[in-house]
Protein backbone atom coordinates (compact mmCIF):
# COMPACT_ATOMS: atom_id res chain seq x y z
CA MET A 1 16.98 -13.21 36.79
CA ARG A 2 17.44 -10.02 34.80
CA PHE A 3 18.60 -12.09 31.85
CA VAL A 4 15.42 -14.17 31.98
CA ALA A 5 13.28 -11.02 32.07
CA LEU A 6 15.19 -9.50 29.15
CA LEU A 7 14.99 -12.73 27.17
CA SER A 8 11.25 -12.98 27.83
CA THR A 9 10.75 -9.42 26.58
CA VAL A 10 12.74 -10.10 23.41
CA VAL A 11 10.86 -13.33 22.73
CA LEU A 12 7.53 -11.53 23.15
CA LEU A 13 8.51 -8.68 20.82
CA LEU A 14 9.97 -10.80 18.00
CA PRO A 15 6.61 -11.92 16.58
CA MET A 16 5.49 -8.27 16.46
CA GLN A 17 8.35 -7.49 14.12
CA ALA A 18 6.71 -9.61 11.41
CA PHE A 19 3.65 -7.32 11.51
CA CYS A 20 5.66 -4.10 11.38
CA VAL A 21 6.45 -4.05 7.68
CA ASP A 22 6.42 -0.58 6.16
CA ARG A 23 5.15 -1.35 2.68
CA MET A 24 5.75 2.26 1.54
CA VAL A 25 9.46 1.68 2.21
CA GLU A 26 9.96 -2.03 1.62
CA GLY A 27 7.37 -2.62 -1.05
CA PHE A 28 6.03 -6.11 -1.68
CA PRO A 29 8.99 -8.42 -2.33
CA ASP A 30 6.88 -11.35 -1.09
CA LEU A 31 4.41 -11.09 -4.01
CA PRO A 32 4.74 -12.43 -7.55
CA ARG A 33 6.21 -9.80 -9.88
CA ASP A 34 2.93 -8.79 -11.55
CA ALA A 35 1.07 -8.52 -8.25
CA ARG A 36 4.00 -6.64 -6.68
CA SER A 37 3.98 -4.08 -9.49
CA VAL A 38 0.25 -3.42 -9.12
CA ALA A 39 0.38 -3.30 -5.30
CA GLU A 40 3.24 -0.79 -5.33
CA ARG A 41 1.52 1.35 -7.96
CA TYR A 42 -1.69 1.26 -5.93
CA MET A 43 0.07 2.48 -2.81
CA GLY A 44 1.74 5.23 -4.81
CA CYS A 45 -1.59 6.30 -6.29
CA GLN A 46 -3.26 6.43 -2.89
CA HIS A 47 -0.37 8.46 -1.54
CA PHE A 48 -0.54 11.02 -4.34
CA TRP A 49 -4.36 11.12 -4.35
CA GLY A 50 -4.05 12.35 -0.78
CA GLU A 51 -1.76 15.20 -1.88
CA VAL A 52 -4.09 16.76 -4.44
CA ASN A 53 -5.26 20.10 -3.08
CA GLY A 54 -7.33 21.16 -6.08
CA THR A 55 -5.77 24.60 -6.53
CA GLY A 56 -3.93 23.84 -9.74
CA ASP A 57 -0.72 25.24 -8.26
CA LYS A 58 2.78 23.94 -9.00
CA ARG A 59 2.47 21.13 -6.43
CA ASP A 60 -0.85 20.01 -7.91
CA ARG A 61 0.80 19.83 -11.33
CA GLU A 62 3.67 17.77 -9.90
CA VAL A 63 1.20 15.43 -8.22
CA ALA A 64 -0.82 15.13 -11.45
CA ALA A 65 2.36 14.16 -13.30
CA GLN A 66 3.04 11.42 -10.74
CA LEU A 67 -0.54 10.16 -10.95
CA LYS A 68 -0.20 9.96 -14.73
CA ALA A 69 3.19 8.22 -14.54
CA LEU A 70 1.74 5.63 -12.16
CA ARG A 71 -1.27 5.16 -14.51
CA CYS A 72 -3.59 5.75 -11.56
CA ASN A 73 -6.58 6.07 -13.88
CA GLU A 74 -6.16 2.30 -14.57
CA ILE A 75 -5.06 1.07 -11.14
CA GLU A 76 -8.37 -0.16 -9.79
CA GLN A 77 -8.99 -2.25 -12.91
CA ASP A 78 -5.43 -3.59 -12.72
CA LEU A 79 -5.89 -4.45 -9.05
CA ALA A 80 -9.16 -6.25 -9.80
CA LYS A 81 -7.43 -8.30 -12.53
CA ILE A 82 -4.62 -9.28 -10.16
CA LYS A 83 -7.07 -10.22 -7.41
CA TYR A 84 -8.96 -12.36 -9.90
CA LYS A 85 -5.78 -13.99 -11.19
CA TYR A 86 -4.73 -14.92 -7.64
CA ARG A 87 -8.25 -15.59 -6.34
CA ASN A 88 -7.26 -19.09 -5.18
CA ASN A 89 -4.07 -17.94 -3.46
CA GLY A 90 -5.07 -16.76 0.00
CA ALA A 91 -1.56 -15.69 0.97
CA THR A 92 -1.23 -13.40 -2.05
CA LEU A 93 -4.69 -11.89 -1.49
CA LYS A 94 -3.89 -11.25 2.17
CA ILE A 95 -0.69 -9.42 1.25
CA LEU A 96 -2.50 -7.43 -1.46
CA LYS A 97 -4.85 -6.10 1.23
CA GLU A 98 -1.82 -4.41 2.78
CA ALA A 99 -1.63 -2.19 -0.31
CA ASP A 100 -5.07 -0.75 0.36
CA PHE A 101 -4.98 2.18 2.76
CA LYS A 102 -8.68 1.54 3.54
CA GLU A 103 -7.78 -1.92 4.87
CA LEU A 104 -5.27 -0.63 7.43
CA PRO A 105 -6.36 -0.87 11.07
CA ASN A 106 -7.40 2.37 12.78
CA ASN A 107 -7.28 4.14 9.47
CA SER A 108 -8.59 7.57 8.76
CA PHE A 109 -7.85 7.39 5.01
CA LYS A 110 -10.48 9.08 2.91
CA PRO A 111 -10.22 8.53 -0.85
CA ASN A 112 -9.79 11.71 -2.83
CA PRO A 113 -12.76 12.36 -5.15
CA LEU A 114 -10.35 13.66 -7.80
CA ARG A 115 -8.30 10.47 -7.86
CA GLY A 116 -9.42 9.17 -11.23
CA SER A 117 -8.80 12.47 -12.97
CA ALA A 118 -5.08 12.11 -13.67
């Protein structure tokens, strides 16, 4: 009886594992190469936009360097191009949504107004 209860629990939890992908760690290996590159850059840009404190201190300069290296000033145009390219591929578009912090459930992400400045 305990085995059946344990097995039932495992069977119920297995499907949840598919939804527990940490894209900041694992990236987007399930996307085509060009879409993967843009999605990973977009997540990086959002991450670093959230770290800008606006004081111009050493950390701000480090963050600005990362934003420049990721070409964050171009990322929204690049994302729009990729979405257009894959507009007929629902699976790719669904995965691309996972790159957008604003699309995450129960999200409190607020875009940084300085994000396009790097």
